[in-house]
């Protein structure tokens, strides 16, 4: 489920929101597994957190650019 930033940027806003929800659920599951010492790849938690942050940043940038466009018009 690892995607590069170029792949993430190609997704629509609705796809980004859906993917963000999926990643948040995955992050939650990984946290619980980590607490029970069931996670084999601990680095996956870090990668998931970073991907969530990237998506949130893209959504926020899209939102602010939309507001700026509305103000200019």
N, C-alpha and C. Protein backbone atom coordinates (compact mmCIF):
# COMPACT_ATOMS: atom_id res chain seq x y z
N UNK A 1 0.82 -1.19 0.00
CA UNK A 1 0.00 0.00 0.00
C UNK A 1 0.87 1.26 0.00
N UNK A 2 2.15 1.08 -0.20
CA UNK A 2 3.06 2.22 -0.24
C UNK A 2 2.97 2.89 -1.61
N UNK A 3 2.76 4.19 -1.60
CA UNK A 3 2.67 4.95 -2.86
C UNK A 3 3.67 6.09 -2.82
N UNK A 4 4.19 6.41 -3.98
CA UNK A 4 5.10 7.55 -4.06
C UNK A 4 4.27 8.83 -4.09
N UNK A 5 4.92 9.95 -3.86
CA UNK A 5 4.22 11.23 -3.85
C UNK A 5 3.66 11.56 -5.23
N UNK A 6 4.33 11.13 -6.28
CA UNK A 6 3.81 11.37 -7.63
C UNK A 6 2.50 10.61 -7.85
N UNK A 7 2.43 9.38 -7.36
CA UNK A 7 1.21 8.60 -7.49
C UNK A 7 0.08 9.22 -6.66
N UNK A 8 0.42 9.71 -5.48
CA UNK A 8 -0.59 10.32 -4.62
C UNK A 8 -1.14 11.59 -5.25
N UNK A 9 -0.28 12.38 -5.87
CA UNK A 9 -0.72 13.65 -6.49
C UNK A 9 -1.67 13.42 -7.65
N UNK A 10 -1.63 12.26 -8.27
CA UNK A 10 -2.49 11.97 -9.40
C UNK A 10 -3.91 11.59 -8.99
N UNK A 11 -4.11 11.31 -7.71
CA UNK A 11 -5.44 10.90 -7.24
C UNK A 11 -6.36 12.12 -7.11
N UNK A 12 -7.65 11.88 -7.29
CA UNK A 12 -8.63 12.95 -7.12
C UNK A 12 -8.82 13.20 -5.62
N UNK A 13 -9.52 14.28 -5.30
CA UNK A 13 -9.73 14.63 -3.90
C UNK A 13 -10.53 13.54 -3.17
N UNK A 14 -11.53 13.00 -3.83
CA UNK A 14 -12.33 11.94 -3.21
C UNK A 14 -11.50 10.68 -2.98
N UNK A 15 -10.65 10.34 -3.94
CA UNK A 15 -9.77 9.18 -3.79
C UNK A 15 -8.78 9.40 -2.65
N UNK A 16 -8.28 10.64 -2.54
CA UNK A 16 -7.35 10.96 -1.46
C UNK A 16 -8.02 10.79 -0.10
N UNK A 17 -9.25 11.26 0.02
CA UNK A 17 -9.96 11.15 1.29
C UNK A 17 -10.22 9.68 1.65
N UNK A 18 -10.57 8.89 0.66
CA UNK A 18 -10.81 7.46 0.89
C UNK A 18 -9.51 6.76 1.30
N UNK A 19 -8.43 7.07 0.58
CA UNK A 19 -7.14 6.48 0.87
C UNK A 19 -6.65 6.90 2.26
N UNK A 20 -6.90 8.16 2.62
CA UNK A 20 -6.52 8.66 3.94
C UNK A 20 -7.25 7.88 5.03
N UNK A 21 -8.53 7.64 4.83
CA UNK A 21 -9.31 6.87 5.81
C UNK A 21 -8.76 5.46 5.95
N UNK A 22 -8.43 4.83 4.84
CA UNK A 22 -7.86 3.48 4.87
C UNK A 22 -6.53 3.44 5.62
N UNK A 23 -5.69 4.45 5.36
CA UNK A 23 -4.38 4.49 6.01
C UNK A 23 -4.51 4.75 7.51
N UNK A 24 -5.46 5.58 7.90
CA UNK A 24 -5.66 5.83 9.32
C UNK A 24 -6.09 4.55 10.04
N UNK A 25 -6.94 3.77 9.39
CA UNK A 25 -7.37 2.50 9.96
C UNK A 25 -6.18 1.54 10.06
N UNK A 26 -5.36 1.52 9.01
CA UNK A 26 -4.18 0.66 9.01
C UNK A 26 -3.21 1.07 10.13
N UNK A 27 -3.03 2.39 10.30
CA UNK A 27 -2.15 2.91 11.34
C UNK A 27 -2.65 2.50 12.72
N UNK A 28 -3.96 2.56 12.91
CA UNK A 28 -4.57 2.17 14.17
C UNK A 28 -4.31 0.69 14.45
N UNK A 29 -4.52 -0.14 13.45
CA UNK A 29 -4.29 -1.58 13.60
C UNK A 29 -2.82 -1.87 13.91
N UNK A 30 -1.92 -1.15 13.23
CA UNK A 30 -0.49 -1.36 13.47
C UNK A 30 -0.10 -0.96 14.90
N UNK A 31 -0.71 0.10 15.42
CA UNK A 31 -0.43 0.51 16.80
C UNK A 31 -0.83 -0.58 17.78
N UNK A 32 -2.02 -1.16 17.58
CA UNK A 32 -2.47 -2.22 18.46
C UNK A 32 -1.58 -3.45 18.35
N UNK A 33 -1.22 -3.80 17.13
CA UNK A 33 -0.34 -4.95 16.94
C UNK A 33 1.02 -4.70 17.57
N UNK A 34 1.50 -3.46 17.47
CA UNK A 34 2.79 -3.12 18.06
C UNK A 34 2.74 -3.26 19.58
N UNK A 35 1.63 -2.86 20.18
CA UNK A 35 1.48 -2.98 21.63
C UNK A 35 1.47 -4.44 22.06
N UNK A 36 0.95 -5.31 21.20
CA UNK A 36 0.92 -6.75 21.50
C UNK A 36 2.17 -7.47 20.99
N UNK A 37 3.10 -6.71 20.45
CA UNK A 37 4.36 -7.24 19.91
C UNK A 37 4.12 -8.22 18.75
N UNK A 38 3.14 -7.91 17.90
CA UNK A 38 2.83 -8.76 16.75
C UNK A 38 3.33 -8.19 15.44
N UNK A 39 3.89 -6.99 15.46
CA UNK A 39 4.34 -6.35 14.23
C UNK A 39 5.74 -6.86 13.89
N UNK A 40 5.88 -7.36 12.66
CA UNK A 40 7.17 -7.86 12.23
C UNK A 40 8.01 -6.74 11.62
N UNK A 41 7.34 -5.81 10.92
CA UNK A 41 8.04 -4.71 10.27
C UNK A 41 7.62 -3.40 10.93
N UNK A 42 8.38 -2.96 11.92
CA UNK A 42 8.05 -1.76 12.68
C UNK A 42 8.15 -0.51 11.80
N UNK A 43 8.97 -0.57 10.79
CA UNK A 43 9.15 0.58 9.89
C UNK A 43 7.86 0.91 9.14
N UNK A 44 6.99 -0.08 9.00
CA UNK A 44 5.71 0.13 8.31
C UNK A 44 4.86 1.18 9.03
N UNK A 45 4.96 1.24 10.35
CA UNK A 45 4.22 2.24 11.12
C UNK A 45 4.69 3.64 10.72
N UNK A 46 5.99 3.82 10.65
CA UNK A 46 6.56 5.12 10.28
C UNK A 46 6.17 5.52 8.87
N UNK A 47 6.25 4.58 7.94
CA UNK A 47 5.89 4.86 6.55
C UNK A 47 4.41 5.24 6.42
N UNK A 48 3.56 4.55 7.16
CA UNK A 48 2.13 4.85 7.13
C UNK A 48 1.87 6.25 7.67
N UNK A 49 2.53 6.60 8.76
CA UNK A 49 2.36 7.94 9.34
C UNK A 49 2.80 9.03 8.35
N UNK A 50 3.90 8.79 7.67
CA UNK A 50 4.41 9.78 6.71
C UNK A 50 3.48 9.91 5.51
N UNK A 51 2.93 8.80 5.06
CA UNK A 51 2.00 8.85 3.93
C UNK A 51 0.73 9.60 4.32
N UNK A 52 0.24 9.38 5.54
CA UNK A 52 -0.92 10.12 6.03
C UNK A 52 -0.62 11.62 6.03
N UNK A 53 0.55 11.99 6.50
CA UNK A 53 0.93 13.40 6.54
C UNK A 53 1.03 13.99 5.13
N UNK A 54 1.56 13.22 4.18
CA UNK A 54 1.65 13.71 2.80
C UNK A 54 0.26 13.97 2.22
N UNK A 55 -0.66 13.04 2.45
CA UNK A 55 -2.01 13.20 1.92
C UNK A 55 -2.70 14.40 2.55
N UNK A 56 -2.54 14.54 3.87
CA UNK A 56 -3.16 15.68 4.55
C UNK A 56 -2.60 17.00 4.03
N UNK A 57 -1.31 17.03 3.76
CA UNK A 57 -0.68 18.23 3.22
C UNK A 57 -1.23 18.55 1.84
N UNK A 58 -1.36 17.54 0.99
CA UNK A 58 -1.92 17.76 -0.35
C UNK A 58 -3.36 18.26 -0.27
N UNK A 59 -4.15 17.66 0.60
CA UNK A 59 -5.55 18.10 0.75
C UNK A 59 -5.61 19.54 1.24
N UNK A 60 -4.76 19.89 2.18
CA UNK A 60 -4.75 21.24 2.71
C UNK A 60 -4.29 22.24 1.65
N UNK A 61 -3.29 21.87 0.85
CA UNK A 61 -2.83 22.75 -0.23
C UNK A 61 -3.91 22.95 -1.28
N UNK A 62 -4.62 21.87 -1.61
CA UNK A 62 -5.71 21.98 -2.58
C UNK A 62 -6.81 22.88 -2.04
N UNK A 63 -7.09 22.74 -0.75
CA UNK A 63 -8.13 23.55 -0.12
C UNK A 63 -7.74 25.03 -0.12
N UNK A 64 -6.50 25.33 0.22
CA UNK A 64 -6.06 26.73 0.28
C UNK A 64 -5.97 27.34 -1.12
N UNK A 65 -5.60 26.54 -2.11
CA UNK A 65 -5.53 27.07 -3.47
C UNK A 65 -6.93 27.35 -4.02
N UNK A 66 -7.89 26.54 -3.59
CA UNK A 66 -9.29 26.76 -4.00
C UNK A 66 -9.81 28.06 -3.37
N UNK A 67 -9.49 28.30 -2.11
CA UNK A 67 -9.92 29.52 -1.44
C UNK A 67 -9.28 30.74 -2.09
N UNK A 68 -8.01 30.63 -2.44
CA UNK A 68 -7.31 31.73 -3.09
C UNK A 68 -7.94 32.04 -4.44
N UNK A 69 -8.28 31.02 -5.18
CA UNK A 69 -8.91 31.20 -6.49
C UNK A 69 -10.26 31.89 -6.33
N UNK A 70 -11.03 31.51 -5.32
CA UNK A 70 -12.33 32.14 -5.10
C UNK A 70 -12.17 33.60 -4.72
N UNK A 71 -11.13 33.92 -3.95
CA UNK A 71 -10.91 35.31 -3.55
C UNK A 71 -10.51 36.18 -4.75
N UNK A 72 -9.75 35.62 -5.65
CA UNK A 72 -9.29 36.36 -6.83
C UNK A 72 -10.46 36.67 -7.76
N UNK A 73 -11.37 35.72 -7.88
CA UNK A 73 -12.51 35.92 -8.78
C UNK A 73 -13.41 36.95 -8.19
